[in-house]
């Protein structure tokens, strides 16, 4: 499923389901990296129901998202963020091939700091 505003998708969502039972979701957005020299995707959400874990659902969702990104803008990398207090997610991502970016620091601008820039 793709949600589009003014012809440009704000995000893309993939759903894994059987009949009316959803057991997986992946939400991603396109991004570009000058240091990597190409397009990629940022996975903002990847969820698989506990009853469906260990069956390749996460890998299939990720493979489909990468294929979609490759078709639309090329995909030379995938980035995601995981909460350090979720060791099972961190372990899963490492298991399927993700590496921690030791030289990167994730930062967030929101609230009054964000409002400041909206008012300039």
Protein backbone atom coordinates (compact mmCIF):
# COMPACT_ATOMS: atom_id res chain seq x y z
CA UNK A 1 0.00 0.00 0.00
CA UNK A 2 1.36 3.40 -0.90
CA UNK A 3 0.08 6.70 0.44
CA UNK A 4 0.76 9.62 -1.84
CA UNK A 5 0.41 13.35 -1.36
CA UNK A 6 0.69 15.56 -4.46
CA UNK A 7 2.22 12.70 -6.43
CA UNK A 8 5.12 12.14 -4.01
CA UNK A 9 4.77 9.31 -1.51
CA UNK A 10 5.28 10.50 2.04
CA UNK A 11 5.82 6.90 3.08
CA UNK A 12 5.26 3.38 1.87
CA UNK A 13 3.61 0.63 3.89
CA UNK A 14 3.74 -3.10 3.31
CA UNK A 15 1.31 -5.39 5.10
CA UNK A 16 1.63 -9.14 5.59
CA UNK A 17 -1.73 -10.76 6.18
CA UNK A 18 -3.74 -13.89 5.64
CA UNK A 19 -7.50 -13.56 5.36
CA UNK A 20 -8.28 -10.74 7.80
CA UNK A 21 -5.33 -11.47 10.11
CA UNK A 22 -2.42 -9.06 9.79
CA UNK A 23 0.86 -10.49 11.06
CA UNK A 24 3.48 -8.07 9.71
CA UNK A 25 3.99 -4.41 8.83
CA UNK A 26 6.90 -2.51 7.33
CA UNK A 27 6.82 1.28 6.86
CA UNK A 28 9.60 2.98 4.90
CA UNK A 29 10.46 6.30 3.31
CA UNK A 30 12.92 7.12 0.55
CA UNK A 31 16.06 9.08 1.39
CA UNK A 32 19.27 10.15 -0.29
CA UNK A 33 22.84 10.11 1.00
CA UNK A 34 25.58 12.21 -0.52
CA UNK A 35 28.21 10.20 1.38
CA UNK A 36 26.87 6.93 -0.04
CA UNK A 37 26.25 8.45 -3.44
CA UNK A 38 22.72 7.29 -3.94
CA UNK A 39 19.23 6.60 -2.80
CA UNK A 40 18.17 4.39 0.01
CA UNK A 41 15.32 3.76 2.33
CA UNK A 42 14.65 4.47 5.96
CA UNK A 43 12.64 1.78 7.71
CA UNK A 44 10.65 3.56 10.40
CA UNK A 45 8.59 0.54 11.48
CA UNK A 46 9.05 -3.19 11.16
CA UNK A 47 6.70 -5.35 13.19
CA UNK A 48 5.98 -9.05 13.04
CA UNK A 49 3.44 -10.71 15.33
CA UNK A 50 5.04 -13.03 17.86
CA UNK A 51 3.08 -15.95 16.37
CA UNK A 52 4.70 -15.33 12.96
CA UNK A 53 8.30 -14.76 14.07
CA UNK A 54 10.98 -17.12 12.86
CA UNK A 55 9.16 -17.79 9.57
CA UNK A 56 10.95 -15.21 7.39
CA UNK A 57 8.20 -12.57 7.47
CA UNK A 58 10.53 -9.71 8.42
CA UNK A 59 13.04 -10.68 5.73
CA UNK A 60 10.30 -10.92 3.09
CA UNK A 61 8.88 -7.53 4.01
CA UNK A 62 12.35 -6.00 3.93
CA UNK A 63 13.15 -7.65 0.58
CA UNK A 64 9.92 -6.28 -0.90
CA UNK A 65 10.65 -2.76 0.39
CA UNK A 66 14.17 -2.89 -1.08
CA UNK A 67 12.76 -4.04 -4.41
CA UNK A 68 10.23 -1.20 -4.39
CA UNK A 69 12.96 1.34 -3.57
CA UNK A 70 15.23 -0.09 -6.26
CA UNK A 71 12.48 0.29 -8.85
CA UNK A 72 11.59 3.85 -7.84
CA UNK A 73 14.92 5.51 -7.04
CA UNK A 74 17.67 2.94 -6.68
CA UNK A 75 18.64 1.52 -3.34
CA UNK A 76 22.25 1.37 -2.29
CA UNK A 77 21.53 1.22 1.45
CA UNK A 78 18.88 0.71 4.11
CA UNK A 79 18.87 2.64 7.36
CA UNK A 80 16.79 2.02 10.45
CA UNK A 81 16.91 2.91 14.10
CA UNK A 82 16.29 0.55 16.98
CA UNK A 83 15.82 1.37 20.63
CA UNK A 84 18.74 0.09 22.69
CA UNK A 85 16.24 -1.04 25.32
CA UNK A 86 14.84 -3.53 22.78
CA UNK A 87 17.65 -6.09 22.64
CA UNK A 88 15.60 -8.64 20.68
CA UNK A 89 15.09 -6.14 17.84
CA UNK A 90 18.76 -5.12 17.90
CA UNK A 91 19.79 -8.76 17.84
CA UNK A 92 17.42 -9.53 14.96
CA UNK A 93 18.73 -6.66 12.84
CA UNK A 94 22.34 -7.69 13.48
CA UNK A 95 21.43 -11.30 12.65
CA UNK A 96 20.05 -10.36 9.22
CA UNK A 97 23.07 -8.22 8.34
CA UNK A 98 22.63 -4.70 9.73
CA UNK A 99 25.72 -3.09 11.27
CA UNK A 100 25.67 -0.41 13.93
CA UNK A 101 26.98 2.89 12.61
CA UNK A 102 29.58 3.68 15.26
CA UNK A 103 30.39 7.06 13.71
CA UNK A 104 26.76 8.24 13.59
CA UNK A 105 24.80 10.02 16.28
CA UNK A 106 21.02 10.06 15.96
CA UNK A 107 19.59 13.48 16.87
CA UNK A 108 16.05 14.83 16.99
CA UNK A 109 14.58 18.31 16.61
CA UNK A 110 11.05 18.76 17.96
CA UNK A 111 8.87 20.89 20.22
CA UNK A 112 9.89 24.52 20.76
CA UNK A 113 13.20 24.03 18.91
CA UNK A 114 11.30 22.87 15.82
CA UNK A 115 8.77 25.67 16.22
CA UNK A 116 11.61 28.19 16.18
CA UNK A 117 12.59 27.11 12.67
CA UNK A 118 8.99 27.15 11.48
CA UNK A 119 8.77 30.80 12.46
CA UNK A 120 11.92 32.03 10.72
